[in-house]
Amino acid sequence: MVAAICAYPQLLGAGFLPEDAKRRAAQVLRHLQGGSPGTERWGGQPCHGGGGDMVARYLERRDGGTPSDPRCIVPCGGTAADVLTLVVDETAAVPTGVLVPVPGPPLLGGATGLAGAVAVPYPLAEERGWDVDGETVRRVLGQARERSHP
């Protein structure tokens, strides 16, 4: 849910998504230079702001406490999959489910799989200007809980 909200920040105002997911997504979005994953332009430069701190903390946890300096973290191609790994719980008994809008970013579904998560596609309502339908998302989430932890 966090990745879906980051990909479509308008979901921050959606009443049908859990508040903890919206808080986490808002935290991630505050650290992106352009305010959304699609506007981020690192160009081989180190992370700026709290985004690098978040990545450094994740790397320290992943690497058993080995210190990580956010000033030395340089995102590059494949960053979407890397960011998704931040929301994936590798120790969970079931895989993490990530909401993926359809239609949506063409690489998000593949990046989700590369990060070790399960894509949970949900259709956008074309007849309503590609709006998100809360009932549809609730239904999709219910079905996804049978095979993942969305």
N, C-alpha and C. Protein backbone atom coordinates (compact mmCIF):
# COMPACT_ATOMS: atom_id res chain seq x y z
N MET A 1 0.81 -1.18 0.00
CA MET A 1 0.00 0.00 0.00
C MET A 1 0.86 1.25 0.00
N VAL A 2 1.98 1.19 0.72
CA VAL A 2 2.87 2.36 0.78
C VAL A 2 3.40 2.68 -0.61
N ALA A 3 3.83 1.67 -1.34
CA ALA A 3 4.35 1.90 -2.69
C ALA A 3 3.26 2.45 -3.61
N ALA A 4 2.04 1.93 -3.48
CA ALA A 4 0.94 2.42 -4.32
C ALA A 4 0.64 3.88 -4.01
N ILE A 5 0.65 4.25 -2.74
CA ILE A 5 0.39 5.64 -2.36
C ILE A 5 1.51 6.54 -2.88
N CYS A 6 2.75 6.06 -2.79
CA CYS A 6 3.88 6.86 -3.30
C CYS A 6 3.76 7.05 -4.81
N ALA A 7 3.30 6.02 -5.51
CA ALA A 7 3.15 6.11 -6.96
C ALA A 7 1.97 7.02 -7.34
N TYR A 8 0.98 7.09 -6.48
CA TYR A 8 -0.21 7.91 -6.73
C TYR A 8 -0.56 8.67 -5.45
N PRO A 9 0.15 9.77 -5.17
CA PRO A 9 0.01 10.48 -3.90
C PRO A 9 -1.41 10.95 -3.57
N GLN A 10 -2.29 11.03 -4.55
CA GLN A 10 -3.66 11.43 -4.26
C GLN A 10 -4.33 10.44 -3.32
N LEU A 11 -3.79 9.22 -3.22
CA LEU A 11 -4.35 8.22 -2.31
C LEU A 11 -4.17 8.61 -0.84
N LEU A 12 -3.32 9.60 -0.57
CA LEU A 12 -3.15 10.06 0.81
C LEU A 12 -4.48 10.55 1.39
N GLY A 13 -5.36 11.02 0.54
CA GLY A 13 -6.66 11.50 0.99
C GLY A 13 -7.75 10.44 0.97
N ALA A 14 -7.42 9.24 0.54
CA ALA A 14 -8.42 8.17 0.43
C ALA A 14 -8.80 7.66 1.82
N GLY A 15 -10.08 7.62 2.09
CA GLY A 15 -10.55 7.17 3.39
C GLY A 15 -10.50 5.67 3.58
N PHE A 16 -10.29 4.91 2.52
CA PHE A 16 -10.35 3.45 2.62
C PHE A 16 -8.99 2.80 2.87
N LEU A 17 -7.92 3.59 2.90
CA LEU A 17 -6.60 3.03 3.16
C LEU A 17 -6.22 3.24 4.62
N PRO A 18 -5.48 2.30 5.21
CA PRO A 18 -5.10 2.42 6.61
C PRO A 18 -4.23 3.66 6.87
N GLU A 19 -4.45 4.28 8.01
CA GLU A 19 -3.71 5.49 8.37
C GLU A 19 -2.21 5.23 8.49
N ASP A 20 -1.82 4.04 8.97
CA ASP A 20 -0.38 3.78 9.11
C ASP A 20 0.31 3.74 7.75
N ALA A 21 -0.37 3.19 6.74
CA ALA A 21 0.21 3.15 5.39
C ALA A 21 0.31 4.57 4.83
N LYS A 22 -0.70 5.39 5.08
CA LYS A 22 -0.66 6.77 4.58
C LYS A 22 0.44 7.57 5.29
N ARG A 23 0.61 7.36 6.60
CA ARG A 23 1.69 8.06 7.32
C ARG A 23 3.05 7.68 6.78
N ARG A 24 3.27 6.38 6.55
CA ARG A 24 4.57 5.91 6.05
C ARG A 24 4.82 6.47 4.65
N ALA A 25 3.81 6.44 3.80
CA ALA A 25 3.96 6.97 2.44
C ALA A 25 4.25 8.46 2.47
N ALA A 26 3.56 9.19 3.34
CA ALA A 26 3.81 10.64 3.45
C ALA A 26 5.25 10.89 3.88
N GLN A 27 5.76 10.05 4.77
CA GLN A 27 7.15 10.19 5.21
C GLN A 27 8.11 9.96 4.03
N VAL A 28 7.86 8.92 3.26
CA VAL A 28 8.70 8.64 2.10
C VAL A 28 8.62 9.78 1.09
N LEU A 29 7.41 10.26 0.79
CA LEU A 29 7.23 11.32 -0.20
C LEU A 29 7.91 12.62 0.22
N ARG A 30 7.94 12.92 1.51
CA ARG A 30 8.61 14.14 1.98
C ARG A 30 10.10 14.12 1.65
N HIS A 31 10.68 12.93 1.56
CA HIS A 31 12.11 12.82 1.34
C HIS A 31 12.49 12.78 -0.14
N LEU A 32 11.52 12.67 -1.02
CA LEU A 32 11.81 12.66 -2.45
C LEU A 32 11.89 14.10 -2.93
N GLN A 33 12.93 14.40 -3.70
CA GLN A 33 13.17 15.78 -4.13
C GLN A 33 11.98 16.38 -4.85
N GLY A 34 11.33 15.64 -5.71
CA GLY A 34 10.21 16.18 -6.48
C GLY A 34 8.86 15.91 -5.87
N GLY A 35 8.81 15.23 -4.74
CA GLY A 35 7.54 14.95 -4.08
C GLY A 35 6.86 13.69 -4.57
N SER A 36 7.45 13.01 -5.55
CA SER A 36 6.90 11.73 -6.01
C SER A 36 8.03 10.93 -6.65
N PRO A 37 7.90 9.59 -6.67
CA PRO A 37 8.97 8.76 -7.24
C PRO A 37 9.27 9.09 -8.69
N GLY A 38 8.26 9.51 -9.45
CA GLY A 38 8.46 9.80 -10.87
C GLY A 38 9.22 11.08 -11.14
N THR A 39 9.33 11.95 -10.16
CA THR A 39 10.02 13.22 -10.37
C THR A 39 11.44 13.21 -9.82
N GLU A 40 11.83 12.13 -9.19
CA GLU A 40 13.16 12.05 -8.58
C GLU A 40 14.22 12.05 -9.68
N ARG A 41 15.21 12.91 -9.55
CA ARG A 41 16.28 13.03 -10.55
C ARG A 41 17.62 13.03 -9.84
N TRP A 42 18.14 11.85 -9.56
CA TRP A 42 19.41 11.79 -8.86
C TRP A 42 20.60 11.97 -9.79
N GLY A 43 20.54 11.37 -10.94
CA GLY A 43 21.62 11.52 -11.91
C GLY A 43 22.99 11.17 -11.36
N GLY A 44 23.08 10.10 -10.58
CA GLY A 44 24.37 9.68 -10.06
C GLY A 44 24.85 10.50 -8.88
N GLN A 45 23.98 11.31 -8.32
CA GLN A 45 24.34 12.13 -7.16
C GLN A 45 23.89 11.43 -5.88
N PRO A 46 24.57 11.71 -4.77
CA PRO A 46 24.15 11.10 -3.50
C PRO A 46 22.74 11.52 -3.12
N CYS A 47 22.10 10.70 -2.27
CA CYS A 47 20.76 11.02 -1.77
C CYS A 47 20.82 12.32 -0.98
N HIS A 48 19.75 13.10 -1.07
CA HIS A 48 19.65 14.34 -0.31
C HIS A 48 18.50 14.23 0.67
N GLY A 49 18.57 14.96 1.77
CA GLY A 49 17.48 14.96 2.75
C GLY A 49 17.37 13.63 3.47
N GLY A 50 16.19 13.37 4.00
CA GLY A 50 15.96 12.18 4.80
C GLY A 50 15.90 10.89 4.01
N GLY A 51 15.77 10.97 2.68
CA GLY A 51 15.71 9.75 1.88
C GLY A 51 16.96 8.91 2.06
N GLY A 52 18.12 9.54 2.05
CA GLY A 52 19.37 8.81 2.26
C GLY A 52 19.44 8.20 3.65
N ASP A 53 18.90 8.91 4.64
CA ASP A 53 18.87 8.38 6.00
C ASP A 53 18.02 7.12 6.08
N MET A 54 16.87 7.14 5.40
CA MET A 54 15.99 5.97 5.39
C MET A 54 16.68 4.78 4.75
N VAL A 55 17.35 5.01 3.63
CA VAL A 55 18.04 3.93 2.94
C VAL A 55 19.19 3.42 3.81
N ALA A 56 19.93 4.33 4.45
CA ALA A 56 21.05 3.94 5.31
C ALA A 56 20.57 3.07 6.46
N ARG A 57 19.46 3.45 7.09
CA ARG A 57 18.92 2.64 8.20
C ARG A 57 18.53 1.25 7.71
N TYR A 58 17.90 1.18 6.53
CA TYR A 58 17.52 -0.12 5.97
C TYR A 58 18.76 -0.97 5.73
N LEU A 59 19.81 -0.38 5.12
CA LEU A 59 21.03 -1.13 4.84
C LEU A 59 21.68 -1.62 6.12
N GLU A 60 21.68 -0.81 7.16
CA GLU A 60 22.25 -1.22 8.44
C GLU A 60 21.49 -2.41 9.02
N ARG A 61 20.16 -2.38 8.94
CA ARG A 61 19.37 -3.53 9.42
C ARG A 61 19.66 -4.77 8.58
N ARG A 62 19.67 -4.59 7.27
CA ARG A 62 19.89 -5.71 6.37
C ARG A 62 21.26 -6.34 6.57
N ASP A 63 22.26 -5.49 6.84
CA ASP A 63 23.64 -5.95 6.93
C ASP A 63 24.09 -6.20 8.36
N GLY A 64 23.15 -6.46 9.25
CA GLY A 64 23.50 -6.86 10.61
C GLY A 64 24.16 -5.79 11.45
N GLY A 65 23.84 -4.53 11.21
CA GLY A 65 24.37 -3.45 12.04
C GLY A 65 25.60 -2.76 11.48
N THR A 66 26.10 -3.20 10.32
CA THR A 66 27.24 -2.53 9.70
C THR A 66 26.84 -1.10 9.37
N PRO A 67 27.60 -0.09 9.85
CA PRO A 67 27.22 1.31 9.61
C PRO A 67 27.13 1.65 8.12
N SER A 68 26.19 2.53 7.80
CA SER A 68 25.99 2.99 6.43
C SER A 68 25.87 4.51 6.46
N ASP A 69 26.65 5.19 5.64
CA ASP A 69 26.65 6.65 5.59
C ASP A 69 25.74 7.12 4.47
N PRO A 70 24.64 7.84 4.78
CA PRO A 70 23.72 8.28 3.73
C PRO A 70 24.38 9.16 2.67
N ARG A 71 25.47 9.82 3.01
CA ARG A 71 26.15 10.68 2.02
C ARG A 71 26.86 9.84 0.96
N CYS A 72 27.01 8.56 1.23
CA CYS A 72 27.71 7.68 0.28
C CYS A 72 26.73 6.81 -0.51
N ILE A 73 25.45 7.05 -0.38
CA ILE A 73 24.44 6.27 -1.09
C ILE A 73 24.06 7.01 -2.36
N VAL A 74 24.27 6.36 -3.51
CA VAL A 74 23.97 6.97 -4.80
C VAL A 74 22.98 6.08 -5.54
N PRO A 75 21.70 6.47 -5.57
CA PRO A 75 20.72 5.68 -6.32
C PRO A 75 21.01 5.73 -7.81
N CYS A 76 20.67 4.66 -8.50
CA CYS A 76 20.87 4.62 -9.95
C CYS A 76 19.77 3.76 -10.56
N GLY A 77 19.94 3.36 -11.81
CA GLY A 77 18.95 2.54 -12.48
C GLY A 77 18.53 1.36 -11.62
N GLY A 78 17.24 1.05 -11.63
CA GLY A 78 16.73 -0.03 -10.80
C GLY A 78 16.29 0.45 -9.43
N THR A 79 16.29 1.75 -9.22
CA THR A 79 15.95 2.30 -7.91
C THR A 79 14.54 1.91 -7.49
N ALA A 80 13.59 1.82 -8.42
CA ALA A 80 12.21 1.48 -8.05
C ALA A 80 12.18 0.13 -7.33
N ALA A 81 12.88 -0.86 -7.86
CA ALA A 81 12.92 -2.17 -7.21
C ALA A 81 13.61 -2.07 -5.86
N ASP A 82 14.66 -1.26 -5.79
CA ASP A 82 15.37 -1.10 -4.52
C ASP A 82 14.49 -0.45 -3.47
N VAL A 83 13.73 0.57 -3.87
CA VAL A 83 12.84 1.24 -2.92
C VAL A 83 11.77 0.26 -2.44
N LEU A 84 11.27 -0.58 -3.33
CA LEU A 84 10.27 -1.56 -2.91
C LEU A 84 10.81 -2.51 -1.86
N THR A 85 12.11 -2.81 -1.91
CA THR A 85 12.67 -3.72 -0.90
C THR A 85 12.55 -3.12 0.50
N LEU A 86 12.40 -1.81 0.59
CA LEU A 86 12.24 -1.18 1.90
C LEU A 86 10.91 -1.55 2.55
N VAL A 87 9.90 -1.88 1.76
CA VAL A 87 8.59 -2.22 2.33
C VAL A 87 8.37 -3.73 2.40
N VAL A 88 9.31 -4.52 1.88
CA VAL A 88 9.17 -5.97 1.87
C VAL A 88 9.77 -6.54 3.15
N ASP A 89 8.99 -7.35 3.85
CA ASP A 89 9.47 -8.02 5.05
C ASP A 89 9.95 -9.41 4.66
N GLU A 90 11.26 -9.56 4.53
CA GLU A 90 11.83 -10.83 4.07
C GLU A 90 11.66 -11.95 5.09
N THR A 91 11.34 -11.62 6.33
CA THR A 91 11.20 -12.64 7.37
C THR A 91 9.76 -13.12 7.52
N ALA A 92 8.84 -12.50 6.81
CA ALA A 92 7.42 -12.84 6.95
C ALA A 92 7.13 -14.22 6.35
N ALA A 93 6.14 -14.88 6.92
CA ALA A 93 5.75 -16.20 6.44
C ALA A 93 5.10 -16.13 5.06
N VAL A 94 4.45 -15.01 4.76
CA VAL A 94 3.83 -14.81 3.45
C VAL A 94 4.46 -13.58 2.82
N PRO A 95 4.50 -13.52 1.49
CA PRO A 95 5.13 -12.37 0.84
C PRO A 95 4.33 -11.08 1.04
N THR A 96 5.03 -9.97 0.94
CA THR A 96 4.39 -8.66 1.01
C THR A 96 3.62 -8.42 -0.28
N GLY A 97 2.41 -7.93 -0.18
CA GLY A 97 1.62 -7.57 -1.35
C GLY A 97 1.71 -6.07 -1.59
N VAL A 98 1.90 -5.68 -2.84
CA VAL A 98 2.01 -4.26 -3.20
C VAL A 98 0.91 -3.93 -4.20
N LEU A 99 0.05 -2.96 -3.83
CA LEU A 99 -1.01 -2.52 -4.74
C LEU A 99 -0.40 -1.90 -5.99
N VAL A 100 -0.83 -2.39 -7.16
CA VAL A 100 -0.33 -1.91 -8.44
C VAL A 100 -1.53 -1.48 -9.29
N PRO A 101 -1.63 -0.17 -9.60
CA PRO A 101 -2.77 0.28 -10.40
C PRO A 101 -2.67 -0.20 -11.84
N VAL A 102 -3.85 -0.50 -12.43
CA VAL A 102 -3.93 -0.92 -13.83
C VAL A 102 -4.95 -0.02 -14.52
N PRO A 103 -4.57 0.78 -15.51
CA PRO A 103 -3.20 0.92 -16.00
C PRO A 103 -2.36 1.70 -14.99
N GLY A 104 -1.07 1.49 -15.10
CA GLY A 104 -0.16 2.16 -14.18
C GLY A 104 1.24 2.16 -14.74
N PRO A 105 2.21 2.52 -13.91
CA PRO A 105 3.60 2.54 -14.37
C PRO A 105 3.98 1.17 -14.92
N PRO A 106 4.49 1.11 -16.14
CA PRO A 106 4.73 -0.17 -16.79
C PRO A 106 5.72 -1.07 -16.07
N LEU A 107 6.64 -0.53 -15.34
CA LEU A 107 7.66 -1.36 -14.70
C LEU A 107 7.34 -1.69 -13.25
N LEU A 108 6.27 -1.13 -12.69
CA LEU A 108 5.98 -1.32 -11.27
C LEU A 108 5.71 -2.78 -10.93
N GLY A 109 4.94 -3.47 -11.77
CA GLY A 109 4.65 -4.88 -11.50
C GLY A 109 5.91 -5.72 -11.50
N GLY A 110 6.78 -5.51 -12.49
CA GLY A 110 8.04 -6.25 -12.55
C GLY A 110 8.96 -5.90 -11.40
N ALA A 111 9.03 -4.62 -11.06
CA ALA A 111 9.88 -4.19 -9.94
C ALA A 111 9.39 -4.80 -8.64
N THR A 112 8.08 -4.94 -8.52
CA THR A 112 7.50 -5.55 -7.32
C THR A 112 8.01 -6.98 -7.16
N GLY A 113 7.98 -7.74 -8.25
CA GLY A 113 8.49 -9.11 -8.20
C GLY A 113 9.97 -9.18 -7.91
N LEU A 114 10.74 -8.29 -8.51
CA LEU A 114 12.18 -8.27 -8.26
C LEU A 114 12.51 -7.97 -6.81
N ALA A 115 11.64 -7.22 -6.15
CA ALA A 115 11.87 -6.86 -4.75
C ALA A 115 11.43 -7.97 -3.79
N GLY A 116 10.87 -9.05 -4.34
CA GLY A 116 10.45 -10.16 -3.50
C GLY A 116 9.02 -10.02 -3.00
N ALA A 117 8.25 -9.15 -3.62
CA ALA A 117 6.86 -8.94 -3.23
C ALA A 117 5.93 -9.53 -4.28
N VAL A 118 4.65 -9.50 -3.98
CA VAL A 118 3.62 -9.97 -4.90
C VAL A 118 2.84 -8.76 -5.38
N ALA A 119 2.72 -8.60 -6.69
CA ALA A 119 1.92 -7.50 -7.24
C ALA A 119 0.44 -7.80 -6.98
N VAL A 120 -0.27 -6.80 -6.49
CA VAL A 120 -1.71 -6.90 -6.25
C VAL A 120 -2.36 -5.86 -7.16
N PRO A 121 -2.68 -6.27 -8.41
CA PRO A 121 -3.23 -5.30 -9.36
C PRO A 121 -4.68 -4.93 -9.02
N TYR A 122 -4.99 -3.66 -9.22
CA TYR A 122 -6.37 -3.19 -9.05
C TYR A 122 -6.67 -2.25 -10.21
N PRO A 123 -7.88 -2.36 -10.77
CA PRO A 123 -8.21 -1.52 -11.93
C PRO A 123 -8.58 -0.10 -11.52
N LEU A 124 -8.15 0.85 -12.33
CA LEU A 124 -8.59 2.24 -12.17
C LEU A 124 -9.87 2.41 -12.98
N ALA A 125 -10.77 3.25 -12.51
CA ALA A 125 -12.07 3.43 -13.15
C ALA A 125 -11.96 4.42 -14.30
N GLU A 126 -11.84 3.90 -15.51
CA GLU A 126 -11.69 4.75 -16.70
C GLU A 126 -12.88 5.71 -16.84
N GLU A 127 -14.08 5.20 -16.58
CA GLU A 127 -15.29 6.01 -16.75
C GLU A 127 -15.34 7.19 -15.77
N ARG A 128 -14.50 7.16 -14.75
CA ARG A 128 -14.45 8.26 -13.77
C ARG A 128 -13.10 8.97 -13.84
N GLY A 129 -12.52 9.03 -15.02
CA GLY A 129 -11.25 9.74 -15.19
C GLY A 129 -10.08 9.03 -14.55
N TRP A 130 -10.09 7.69 -14.59
CA TRP A 130 -9.02 6.86 -14.03
C TRP A 130 -8.92 7.02 -12.52
N ASP A 131 -10.07 7.19 -11.89
CA ASP A 131 -10.14 7.35 -10.44
C ASP A 131 -10.00 5.99 -9.76
N VAL A 132 -9.67 6.03 -8.48
CA VAL A 132 -9.58 4.82 -7.67
C VAL A 132 -10.95 4.55 -7.06
N ASP A 133 -11.44 3.32 -7.21
CA ASP A 133 -12.71 2.93 -6.63
C ASP A 133 -12.43 2.18 -5.32
N GLY A 134 -12.84 2.77 -4.21
CA GLY A 134 -12.56 2.19 -2.89
C GLY A 134 -13.09 0.79 -2.72
N GLU A 135 -14.30 0.52 -3.21
CA GLU A 135 -14.87 -0.82 -3.08
C GLU A 135 -14.03 -1.85 -3.83
N THR A 136 -13.58 -1.48 -5.01
CA THR A 136 -12.75 -2.40 -5.79
C THR A 136 -11.44 -2.68 -5.06
N VAL A 137 -10.81 -1.65 -4.52
CA VAL A 137 -9.55 -1.85 -3.80
C VAL A 137 -9.78 -2.72 -2.57
N ARG A 138 -10.88 -2.51 -1.84
CA ARG A 138 -11.17 -3.36 -0.68
C ARG A 138 -11.34 -4.82 -1.10
N ARG A 139 -12.05 -5.04 -2.21
CA ARG A 139 -12.26 -6.41 -2.70
C ARG A 139 -10.93 -7.05 -3.08
N VAL A 140 -10.10 -6.30 -3.82
CA VAL A 140 -8.79 -6.80 -4.25
C VAL A 140 -7.91 -7.10 -3.04
N LEU A 141 -7.94 -6.21 -2.04
CA LEU A 141 -7.15 -6.45 -0.83
C LEU A 141 -7.60 -7.71 -0.11
N GLY A 142 -8.91 -7.92 -0.03
CA GLY A 142 -9.43 -9.14 0.60
C GLY A 142 -8.94 -10.39 -0.10
N GLN A 143 -8.97 -10.37 -1.43
CA GLN A 143 -8.48 -11.51 -2.19
C GLN A 143 -6.97 -11.68 -2.03
N ALA A 144 -6.25 -10.57 -1.97
CA ALA A 144 -4.79 -10.62 -1.86
C ALA A 144 -4.35 -11.20 -0.53
N ARG A 145 -5.15 -11.02 0.51
CA ARG A 145 -4.78 -11.53 1.84
C ARG A 145 -4.72 -13.05 1.87
N GLU A 146 -5.30 -13.71 0.88
CA GLU A 146 -5.23 -15.17 0.80
C GLU A 146 -3.84 -15.64 0.40
N ARG A 147 -3.04 -14.75 -0.24
CA ARG A 147 -1.73 -15.17 -0.74
C ARG A 147 -0.59 -14.23 -0.38
N SER A 148 -0.91 -13.13 0.31
CA SER A 148 0.13 -12.16 0.64
C SER A 148 -0.29 -11.34 1.85
N HIS A 149 0.63 -10.49 2.30
CA HIS A 149 0.34 -9.54 3.38
C HIS A 149 0.40 -8.14 2.78
N PRO A 150 -0.74 -7.67 2.23
CA PRO A 150 -0.72 -6.36 1.56
C PRO A 150 -0.61 -5.21 2.57
